[in-house]
């Protein structure tokens, strides 16, 4: 299959630079590799989104089941300051 595509000058320059580097034998190889990387990226993004959705669902289930407590920011800060002071003394 043959396909002609138009690229903006900056992308054309990058494709030519990759070929000139010797890393790729042709512009077609550069584009094929770019598409493979794009598909891999989409796969990773899809997996990350699925994991995030599971985490959100778990958090909502924990809230519904009463397994969460309000966050006391001042207590967290005090604990951190105490730990920092102890580290500076020791």
PDB file of N, CA and C in Angstrom:
ATOM      1  N   UNK A   1       0.841  -1.178   0.000  1.00  0.00           N
ATOM      2  CA  UNK A   1       0.000   0.000   0.000  1.00  0.00           C
ATOM      3  C   UNK A   1       0.879   1.232   0.000  1.00  0.00           C
ATOM      4  N   UNK A   2       0.509   2.183  -0.782  1.00  0.00           N
ATOM      5  CA  UNK A   2       1.247   3.436  -0.849  1.00  0.00           C
ATOM      6  C   UNK A   2       0.335   4.558  -0.391  1.00  0.00           C
ATOM      7  N   UNK A   3       0.892   5.460   0.407  1.00  0.00           N
ATOM      8  CA  UNK A   3       0.112   6.556   0.958  1.00  0.00           C
ATOM      9  C   UNK A   3       0.993   7.791   1.000  1.00  0.00           C
ATOM     10  N   UNK A   4       0.515   8.867   0.468  1.00  0.00           N
ATOM     11  CA  UNK A   4       1.255  10.123   0.526  1.00  0.00           C
ATOM     12  C   UNK A   4       0.622  11.007   1.586  1.00  0.00           C
ATOM     13  N   UNK A   5       1.445  11.587   2.421  1.00  0.00           N
ATOM     14  CA  UNK A   5       0.940  12.479   3.462  1.00  0.00           C
ATOM     15  C   UNK A   5       1.676  13.811   3.384  1.00  0.00           C
ATOM     16  N   UNK A   6       0.998  14.843   3.845  1.00  0.00           N
ATOM     17  CA  UNK A   6       1.626  16.162   3.912  1.00  0.00           C
ATOM     18  C   UNK A   6       1.919  16.474   5.373  1.00  0.00           C
ATOM     19  N   UNK A   7       3.125  16.922   5.623  1.00  0.00           N
ATOM     20  CA  UNK A   7       3.527  17.282   6.980  1.00  0.00           C
ATOM     21  C   UNK A   7       3.879  18.761   7.018  1.00  0.00           C
ATOM     22  N   UNK A   8       3.636  19.409   8.143  1.00  0.00           N
ATOM     23  CA  UNK A   8       4.113  20.789   8.278  1.00  0.00           C
ATOM     24  C   UNK A   8       5.643  20.784   8.213  1.00  0.00           C
ATOM     25  N   UNK A   9       6.227  21.895   7.828  1.00  0.00           N
ATOM     26  CA  UNK A   9       7.684  21.953   7.655  1.00  0.00           C
ATOM     27  C   UNK A   9       8.483  21.473   8.869  1.00  0.00           C
ATOM     28  N   UNK A  10       8.041  21.804  10.085  1.00  0.00           N
ATOM     29  CA  UNK A  10       8.808  21.399  11.269  1.00  0.00           C
ATOM     30  C   UNK A  10       8.790  19.878  11.448  1.00  0.00           C
ATOM     31  N   UNK A  11       7.664  19.225  11.143  1.00  0.00           N
ATOM     32  CA  UNK A  11       7.624  17.761  11.245  1.00  0.00           C
ATOM     33  C   UNK A  11       8.412  17.106  10.113  1.00  0.00           C
ATOM     34  N   UNK A  12       8.328  17.662   8.933  1.00  0.00           N
ATOM     35  CA  UNK A  12       9.114  17.132   7.821  1.00  0.00           C
ATOM     36  C   UNK A  12      10.597  17.202   8.148  1.00  0.00           C
ATOM     37  N   UNK A  13      11.003  18.312   8.754  1.00  0.00           N
ATOM     38  CA  UNK A  13      12.401  18.487   9.136  1.00  0.00           C
ATOM     39  C   UNK A  13      12.819  17.437  10.160  1.00  0.00           C
ATOM     40  N   UNK A  14      11.934  17.147  11.105  1.00  0.00           N
ATOM     41  CA  UNK A  14      12.251  16.141  12.126  1.00  0.00           C
ATOM     42  C   UNK A  14      12.355  14.753  11.511  1.00  0.00           C
ATOM     43  N   UNK A  15      11.466  14.435  10.577  1.00  0.00           N
ATOM     44  CA  UNK A  15      11.531  13.135   9.907  1.00  0.00           C
ATOM     45  C   UNK A  15      12.843  13.016   9.143  1.00  0.00           C
ATOM     46  N   UNK A  16      13.185  14.063   8.398  1.00  0.00           N
ATOM     47  CA  UNK A  16      14.442  14.045   7.635  1.00  0.00           C
ATOM     48  C   UNK A  16      15.651  13.909   8.567  1.00  0.00           C
ATOM     49  N   UNK A  17      15.605  14.566   9.706  1.00  0.00           N
ATOM     50  CA  UNK A  17      16.714  14.488  10.667  1.00  0.00           C
ATOM     51  C   UNK A  17      16.869  13.060  11.199  1.00  0.00           C
ATOM     52  N   UNK A  18      15.759  12.391  11.459  1.00  0.00           N
ATOM     53  CA  UNK A  18      15.836  11.002  11.936  1.00  0.00           C
ATOM     54  C   UNK A  18      16.448  10.092  10.869  1.00  0.00           C
ATOM     55  N   UNK A  19      16.063  10.311   9.628  1.00  0.00           N
ATOM     56  CA  UNK A  19      16.637   9.506   8.540  1.00  0.00           C
ATOM     57  C   UNK A  19      18.122   9.825   8.408  1.00  0.00           C
ATOM     58  N   UNK A  20      18.480  11.105   8.454  1.00  0.00           N
ATOM     59  CA  UNK A  20      19.877  11.524   8.309  1.00  0.00           C
ATOM     60  C   UNK A  20      20.749  10.988   9.449  1.00  0.00           C
ATOM     61  N   UNK A  21      20.150  10.774  10.606  1.00  0.00           N
ATOM     62  CA  UNK A  21      20.923  10.270  11.749  1.00  0.00           C
ATOM     63  C   UNK A  21      21.379   8.830  11.531  1.00  0.00           C
ATOM     64  N   UNK A  22      20.777   8.153  10.556  1.00  0.00           N
ATOM     65  CA  UNK A  22      21.115   6.759  10.307  1.00  0.00           C
ATOM     66  C   UNK A  22      20.296   5.787  11.130  1.00  0.00           C
ATOM     67  N   UNK A  23      19.478   6.312  12.008  1.00  0.00           N
ATOM     68  CA  UNK A  23      18.656   5.465  12.853  1.00  0.00           C
ATOM     69  C   UNK A  23      17.531   4.795  12.058  1.00  0.00           C
ATOM     70  N   UNK A  24      17.115   5.442  10.995  1.00  0.00           N
ATOM     71  CA  UNK A  24      16.056   4.920  10.133  1.00  0.00           C
ATOM     72  C   UNK A  24      16.531   4.966   8.693  1.00  0.00           C
ATOM     73  N   UNK A  25      16.067   4.006   7.892  1.00  0.00           N
ATOM     74  CA  UNK A  25      16.484   3.940   6.495  1.00  0.00           C
ATOM     75  C   UNK A  25      15.650   4.792   5.566  1.00  0.00           C
ATOM     76  N   UNK A  26      14.461   5.190   6.027  1.00  0.00           N
ATOM     77  CA  UNK A  26      13.585   5.980   5.165  1.00  0.00           C
ATOM     78  C   UNK A  26      12.566   6.737   6.006  1.00  0.00           C
ATOM     79  N   UNK A  27      11.910   7.689   5.369  1.00  0.00           N
ATOM     80  CA  UNK A  27      10.849   8.435   6.043  1.00  0.00           C
ATOM     81  C   UNK A  27       9.714   7.490   6.439  1.00  0.00           C
ATOM     82  N   UNK A  28       9.455   6.484   5.607  1.00  0.00           N
ATOM     83  CA  UNK A  28       8.396   5.520   5.919  1.00  0.00           C
ATOM     84  C   UNK A  28       8.682   4.794   7.233  1.00  0.00           C
ATOM     85  N   UNK A  29       9.955   4.444   7.458  1.00  0.00           N
ATOM     86  CA  UNK A  29      10.312   3.774   8.712  1.00  0.00           C
ATOM     87  C   UNK A  29      10.070   4.685   9.908  1.00  0.00           C
ATOM     88  N   UNK A  30      10.378   5.955   9.755  1.00  0.00           N
ATOM     89  CA  UNK A  30      10.155   6.920  10.845  1.00  0.00           C
ATOM     90  C   UNK A  30       8.669   6.986  11.169  1.00  0.00           C
ATOM     91  N   UNK A  31       7.841   7.100  10.147  1.00  0.00           N
ATOM     92  CA  UNK A  31       6.395   7.213  10.352  1.00  0.00           C
ATOM     93  C   UNK A  31       5.837   5.925  10.950  1.00  0.00           C
ATOM     94  N   UNK A  32       6.290   4.765  10.477  1.00  0.00           N
ATOM     95  CA  UNK A  32       5.827   3.492  11.049  1.00  0.00           C
ATOM     96  C   UNK A  32       6.154   3.405  12.536  1.00  0.00           C
ATOM     97  N   UNK A  33       7.384   3.774  12.887  1.00  0.00           N
ATOM     98  CA  UNK A  33       7.787   3.730  14.299  1.00  0.00           C
ATOM     99  C   UNK A  33       6.969   4.724  15.122  1.00  0.00           C
ATOM    100  N   UNK A  34       6.725   5.895  14.568  1.00  0.00           N
ATOM    101  CA  UNK A  34       5.913   6.895  15.275  1.00  0.00           C
ATOM    102  C   UNK A  34       4.505   6.357  15.534  1.00  0.00           C
ATOM    103  N   UNK A  35       3.932   5.677  14.553  1.00  0.00           N
ATOM    104  CA  UNK A  35       2.601   5.109  14.735  1.00  0.00           C
ATOM    105  C   UNK A  35       2.609   3.990  15.769  1.00  0.00           C
ATOM    106  N   UNK A  36       3.650   3.162  15.758  1.00  0.00           N
ATOM    107  CA  UNK A  36       3.760   2.103  16.772  1.00  0.00           C
ATOM    108  C   UNK A  36       3.845   2.714  18.175  1.00  0.00           C
ATOM    109  N   UNK A  37       4.658   3.748  18.313  1.00  0.00           N
ATOM    110  CA  UNK A  37       4.789   4.400  19.617  1.00  0.00           C
ATOM    111  C   UNK A  37       3.476   5.051  20.046  1.00  0.00           C
ATOM    112  N   UNK A  38       2.772   5.658  19.108  1.00  0.00           N
ATOM    113  CA  UNK A  38       1.492   6.290  19.408  1.00  0.00           C
ATOM    114  C   UNK A  38       0.486   5.247  19.893  1.00  0.00           C
ATOM    115  N   UNK A  39       0.448   4.096  19.225  1.00  0.00           N
ATOM    116  CA  UNK A  39      -0.475   3.039  19.640  1.00  0.00           C
ATOM    117  C   UNK A  39      -0.108   2.501  21.010  1.00  0.00           C
ATOM    118  N   UNK A  40       1.184   2.362  21.291  1.00  0.00           N
ATOM    119  CA  UNK A  40       1.624   1.922  22.619  1.00  0.00           C
ATOM    120  C   UNK A  40       1.215   2.937  23.677  1.00  0.00           C
ATOM    121  N   UNK A  41       1.397   4.210  23.356  1.00  0.00           N
ATOM    122  CA  UNK A  41       1.025   5.284  24.279  1.00  0.00           C
ATOM    123  C   UNK A  41      -0.471   5.233  24.579  1.00  0.00           C
ATOM    124  N   UNK A  42      -1.278   5.039  23.536  1.00  0.00           N
ATOM    125  CA  UNK A  42      -2.721   4.970  23.739  1.00  0.00           C
ATOM    126  C   UNK A  42      -3.084   3.782  24.623  1.00  0.00           C
ATOM    127  N   UNK A  43      -2.397   2.670  24.437  1.00  0.00           N
ATOM    128  CA  UNK A  43      -2.653   1.488  25.250  1.00  0.00           C
ATOM    129  C   UNK A  43      -2.332   1.752  26.715  1.00  0.00           C
ATOM    130  N   UNK A  44      -1.186   2.390  26.956  1.00  0.00           N
ATOM    131  CA  UNK A  44      -0.782   2.714  28.325  1.00  0.00           C
ATOM    132  C   UNK A  44      -1.769   3.704  28.940  1.00  0.00           C
ATOM    133  N   UNK A  45      -2.180   4.698  28.171  1.00  0.00           N
ATOM    134  CA  UNK A  45      -3.145   5.682  28.671  1.00  0.00           C
ATOM    135  C   UNK A  45      -4.467   5.009  29.011  1.00  0.00           C
ATOM    136  N   UNK A  46      -4.891   4.073  28.160  1.00  0.00           N
ATOM    137  CA  UNK A  46      -6.135   3.353  28.425  1.00  0.00           C
ATOM    138  C   UNK A  46      -6.047   2.540  29.703  1.00  0.00           C
ATOM    139  N   UNK A  47      -4.915   1.887  29.929  1.00  0.00           N
ATOM    140  CA  UNK A  47      -4.723   1.100  31.144  1.00  0.00           C
ATOM    141  C   UNK A  47      -4.691   2.011  32.373  1.00  0.00           C
ATOM    142  N   UNK A  48      -4.039   3.161  32.244  1.00  0.00           N
ATOM    143  CA  UNK A  48      -3.973   4.101  33.369  1.00  0.00           C
ATOM    144  C   UNK A  48      -5.364   4.631  33.703  1.00  0.00           C
ATOM    145  N   UNK A  49      -6.156   4.924  32.674  1.00  0.00           N
ATOM    146  CA  UNK A  49      -7.514   5.411  32.905  1.00  0.00           C
ATOM    147  C   UNK A  49      -8.365   4.331  33.566  1.00  0.00           C
ATOM    148  N   UNK A  50      -8.219   3.097  33.121  1.00  0.00           N
ATOM    149  CA  UNK A  50      -8.974   1.998  33.729  1.00  0.00           C
ATOM    150  C   UNK A  50      -8.597   1.838  35.197  1.00  0.00           C
ATOM    151  N   UNK A  51      -7.300   1.933  35.514  1.00  0.00           N
ATOM    152  CA  UNK A  51      -6.849   1.824  36.906  1.00  0.00           C
ATOM    153  C   UNK A  51      -7.395   2.972  37.745  1.00  0.00           C
ATOM    154  N   UNK A  52      -7.404   4.167  37.182  1.00  0.00           N
ATOM    155  CA  UNK A  52      -7.931   5.327  37.896  1.00  0.00           C
ATOM    156  C   UNK A  52      -9.421   5.147  38.182  1.00  0.00           C
ATOM    157  N   UNK A  53     -10.157   4.641  37.202  1.00  0.00           N
ATOM    158  CA  UNK A  53     -11.588   4.402  37.411  1.00  0.00           C
ATOM    159  C   UNK A  53     -11.813   3.379  38.513  1.00  0.00           C
ATOM    160  N   UNK A  54     -10.972   2.331  38.557  1.00  0.00           N
ATOM    161  CA  UNK A  54     -11.086   1.341  39.633  1.00  0.00           C
ATOM    162  C   UNK A  54     -10.795   1.961  40.993  1.00  0.00           C
ATOM    163  N   UNK A  55      -9.763   2.815  41.055  1.00  0.00           N
ATOM    164  CA  UNK A  55      -9.430   3.490  42.314  1.00  0.00           C
ATOM    165  C   UNK A  55     -10.576   4.383  42.779  1.00  0.00           C
ATOM    166  N   UNK A  56     -11.185   5.098  41.849  1.00  0.00           N
ATOM    167  CA  UNK A  56     -12.322   5.970  42.200  1.00  0.00           C
ATOM    168  C   UNK A  56     -13.484   5.130  42.710  1.00  0.00           C
ATOM    169  N   UNK A  57     -13.776   4.035  42.009  1.00  0.00           N
ATOM    170  CA  UNK A  57     -14.871   3.155  42.438  1.00  0.00           C
ATOM    171  C   UNK A  57     -14.594   2.601  43.829  1.00  0.00           C
ATOM    172  N   UNK A  58     -13.341   2.215  44.102  1.00  0.00           N
ATOM    173  CA  UNK A  58     -12.992   1.696  45.425  1.00  0.00           C
ATOM    174  C   UNK A  58     -13.172   2.777  46.483  1.00  0.00           C
ATOM    175  N   UNK A  59     -12.744   3.996  46.168  1.00  0.00           N
ATOM    176  CA  UNK A  59     -12.908   5.097  47.120  1.00  0.00           C
ATOM    177  C   UNK A  59     -14.370   5.376  47.428  1.00  0.00           C
ATOM    178  N   UNK A  60     -15.194   5.364  46.395  1.00  0.00           N
ATOM    179  CA  UNK A  60     -16.624   5.589  46.608  1.00  0.00           C
ATOM    180  C   UNK A  60     -17.244   4.460  47.423  1.00  0.00           C
ATOM    181  N   UNK A  61     -16.823   3.228  47.137  1.00  0.00           N
ATOM    182  CA  UNK A  61     -17.327   2.080  47.909  1.00  0.00           C
ATOM    183  C   UNK A  61     -16.889   2.193  49.370  1.00  0.00           C
ATOM    184  N   UNK A  62     -15.645   2.602  49.602  1.00  0.00           N
ATOM    185  CA  UNK A  62     -15.156   2.781  50.976  1.00  0.00           C
ATOM    186  C   UNK A  62     -15.971   3.848  51.699  1.00  0.00           C
ATOM    187  N   UNK A  63     -16.282   4.932  50.999  1.00  0.00           N
ATOM    188  CA  UNK A  63     -17.082   5.994  51.614  1.00  0.00           C
ATOM    189  C   UNK A  63     -18.473   5.480  51.965  1.00  0.00           C
ATOM    190  N   UNK A  64     -19.087   4.766  51.036  1.00  0.00           N
ATOM    191  CA  UNK A  64     -20.424   4.223  51.278  1.00  0.00           C
ATOM    192  C   UNK A  64     -20.427   3.242  52.447  1.00  0.00           C
ATOM    193  N   UNK A  65     -19.348   2.495  52.609  1.00  0.00           N
ATOM    194  CA  UNK A  65     -19.263   1.495  53.673  1.00  0.00           C
ATOM    195  C   UNK A  65     -18.793   2.098  54.999  1.00  0.00           C
ATOM    196  N   UNK A  66     -18.497   3.396  54.999  1.00  0.00           N
ATOM    197  CA  UNK A  66     -18.064   4.042  56.234  1.00  0.00           C
ATOM    198  C   UNK A  66     -16.628   3.762  56.609  1.00  0.00           C
ATOM    199  N   UNK A  67     -15.809   3.390  55.631  1.00  0.00           N
ATOM    200  CA  UNK A  67     -14.401   3.063  55.911  1.00  0.00           C
ATOM    201  C   UNK A  67     -13.481   4.274  55.732  1.00  0.00           C
ATOM    202  N   UNK A  68     -14.030   5.472  55.771  1.00  0.00           N
ATOM    203  CA  UNK A  68     -13.212   6.679  55.636  1.00  0.00           C
ATOM    204  C   UNK A  68     -13.512   7.618  56.795  1.00  0.00           C
ATOM    205  N   UNK A  69     -12.566   8.484  57.057  1.00  0.00           N
ATOM    206  CA  UNK A  69     -12.742   9.473  58.126  1.00  0.00           C
ATOM    207  C   UNK A  69     -12.342  10.836  57.578  1.00  0.00           C
ATOM    208  N   UNK A  70     -12.883  11.889  58.164  1.00  0.00           N
ATOM    209  CA  UNK A  70     -12.485  13.231  57.715  1.00  0.00           C
ATOM    210  C   UNK A  70     -10.986  13.433  57.885  1.00  0.00           C
ATOM    211  N   UNK A  71     -10.418  14.200  57.004  1.00  0.00           N
ATOM    212  CA  UNK A  71      -8.989  14.476  57.024  1.00  0.00           C
ATOM    213  C   UNK A  71      -8.725  15.687  57.913  1.00  0.00           C
ATOM    214  N   UNK A  72      -7.833  15.523  58.879  1.00  0.00           N
ATOM    215  CA  UNK A  72      -7.472  16.617  59.784  1.00  0.00           C
ATOM    216  C   UNK A  72      -6.132  17.183  59.326  1.00  0.00           C
ATOM    217  N   UNK A  73      -6.176  18.196  58.469  1.00  0.00           N
ATOM    218  CA  UNK A  73      -4.968  18.777  57.891  1.00  0.00           C
ATOM    219  C   UNK A  73      -4.051  19.335  58.972  1.00  0.00           C
ATOM    220  N   UNK A  74      -4.610  19.990  59.965  1.00  0.00           N
ATOM    221  CA  UNK A  74      -3.779  20.574  61.027  1.00  0.00           C
ATOM    222  C   UNK A  74      -3.018  19.496  61.790  1.00  0.00           C
ATOM    223  N   UNK A  75      -3.645  18.353  62.026  1.00  0.00           N
ATOM    224  CA  UNK A  75      -2.969  17.257  62.723  1.00  0.00           C
ATOM    225  C   UNK A  75      -1.851  16.686  61.843  1.00  0.00           C
ATOM    226  N   UNK A  76      -2.100  16.594  60.556  1.00  0.00           N
ATOM    227  CA  UNK A  76      -1.073  16.095  59.634  1.00  0.00           C
ATOM    228  C   UNK A  76       0.118  17.051  59.613  1.00  0.00           C
ATOM    229  N   UNK A  77      -0.166  18.355  59.547  1.00  0.00           N
ATOM    230  CA  UNK A  77       0.920  19.345  59.553  1.00  0.00           C
ATOM    231  C   UNK A  77       1.721  19.270  60.848  1.00  0.00           C
ATOM    232  N   UNK A  78       1.024  19.151  61.971  1.00  0.00           N
ATOM    233  CA  UNK A  78       1.704  19.087  63.275  1.00  0.00           C
ATOM    234  C   UNK A  78       2.600  17.847  63.348  1.00  0.00           C
ATOM    235  N   UNK A  79       2.097  16.733  62.872  1.00  0.00           N
ATOM    236  CA  UNK A  79       2.892  15.498  62.866  1.00  0.00           C
ATOM    237  C   UNK A  79       4.129  15.665  61.987  1.00  0.00           C
ATOM    238  N   UNK A  80       3.968  16.280  60.819  1.00  0.00           N
ATOM    239  CA  UNK A  80       5.100  16.509  59.925  1.00  0.00           C
ATOM    240  C   UNK A  80       6.122  17.451  60.524  1.00  0.00           C
ATOM    241  N   UNK A  81       5.650  18.523  61.154  1.00  0.00           N
ATOM    242  CA  UNK A  81       6.566  19.474  61.792  1.00  0.00           C
ATOM    243  C   UNK A  81       7.333  18.824  62.933  1.00  0.00           C
ATOM    244  N   UNK A  82       6.642  17.967  63.693  1.00  0.00           N
ATOM    245  CA  UNK A  82       7.296  17.260  64.794  1.00  0.00           C
ATOM    246  C   UNK A  82       8.376  16.319  64.254  1.00  0.00           C
ATOM    247  N   UNK A  83       8.055  15.595  63.185  1.00  0.00           N
ATOM    248  CA  UNK A  83       9.046  14.688  62.573  1.00  0.00           C
ATOM    249  C   UNK A  83      10.233  15.455  62.019  1.00  0.00           C
ATOM    250  N   UNK A  84       9.984  16.601  61.398  1.00  0.00           N
ATOM    251  CA  UNK A  84      11.063  17.429  60.860  1.00  0.00           C
ATOM    252  C   UNK A  84      11.954  17.959  61.985  1.00  0.00           C
ATOM    253  N   UNK A  85      11.335  18.415  63.053  1.00  0.00           N
ATOM    254  CA  UNK A  85      12.113  18.920  64.187  1.00  0.00           C
ATOM    255  C   UNK A  85      12.974  17.816  64.789  1.00  0.00           C
ATOM    256  N   UNK A  86      12.418  16.622  64.899  1.00  0.00           N
ATOM    257  CA  UNK A  86      13.173  15.490  65.458  1.00  0.00           C
ATOM    258  C   UNK A  86      14.354  15.123  64.554  1.00  0.00           C
ATOM    259  N   UNK A  87      14.145  15.202  63.250  1.00  0.00           N
ATOM    260  CA  UNK A  87      15.228  14.888  62.306  1.00  0.00           C
ATOM    261  C   UNK A  87      16.328  15.938  62.401  1.00  0.00           C
ATOM    262  N   UNK A  88      15.948  17.186  62.580  1.00  0.00           N
ATOM    263  CA  UNK A  88      16.953  18.249  62.678  1.00  0.00           C
ATOM    264  C   UNK A  88      17.766  18.144  63.970  1.00  0.00           C
ATOM    265  N   UNK A  89      17.154  17.636  65.017  1.00  0.00           N
ATOM    266  CA  UNK A  89      17.847  17.494  66.293  1.00  0.00           C
ATOM    267  C   UNK A  89      18.753  16.267  66.321  1.00  0.00           C
ATOM    268  N   UNK A  90      18.359  15.266  65.545  1.00  0.00           N
ATOM    269  CA  UNK A  90      19.085  13.993  65.597  1.00  0.00           C
ATOM    270  C   UNK A  90      20.079  13.904  64.551  1.00  0.00           C
TER     271      UNK A  90
END
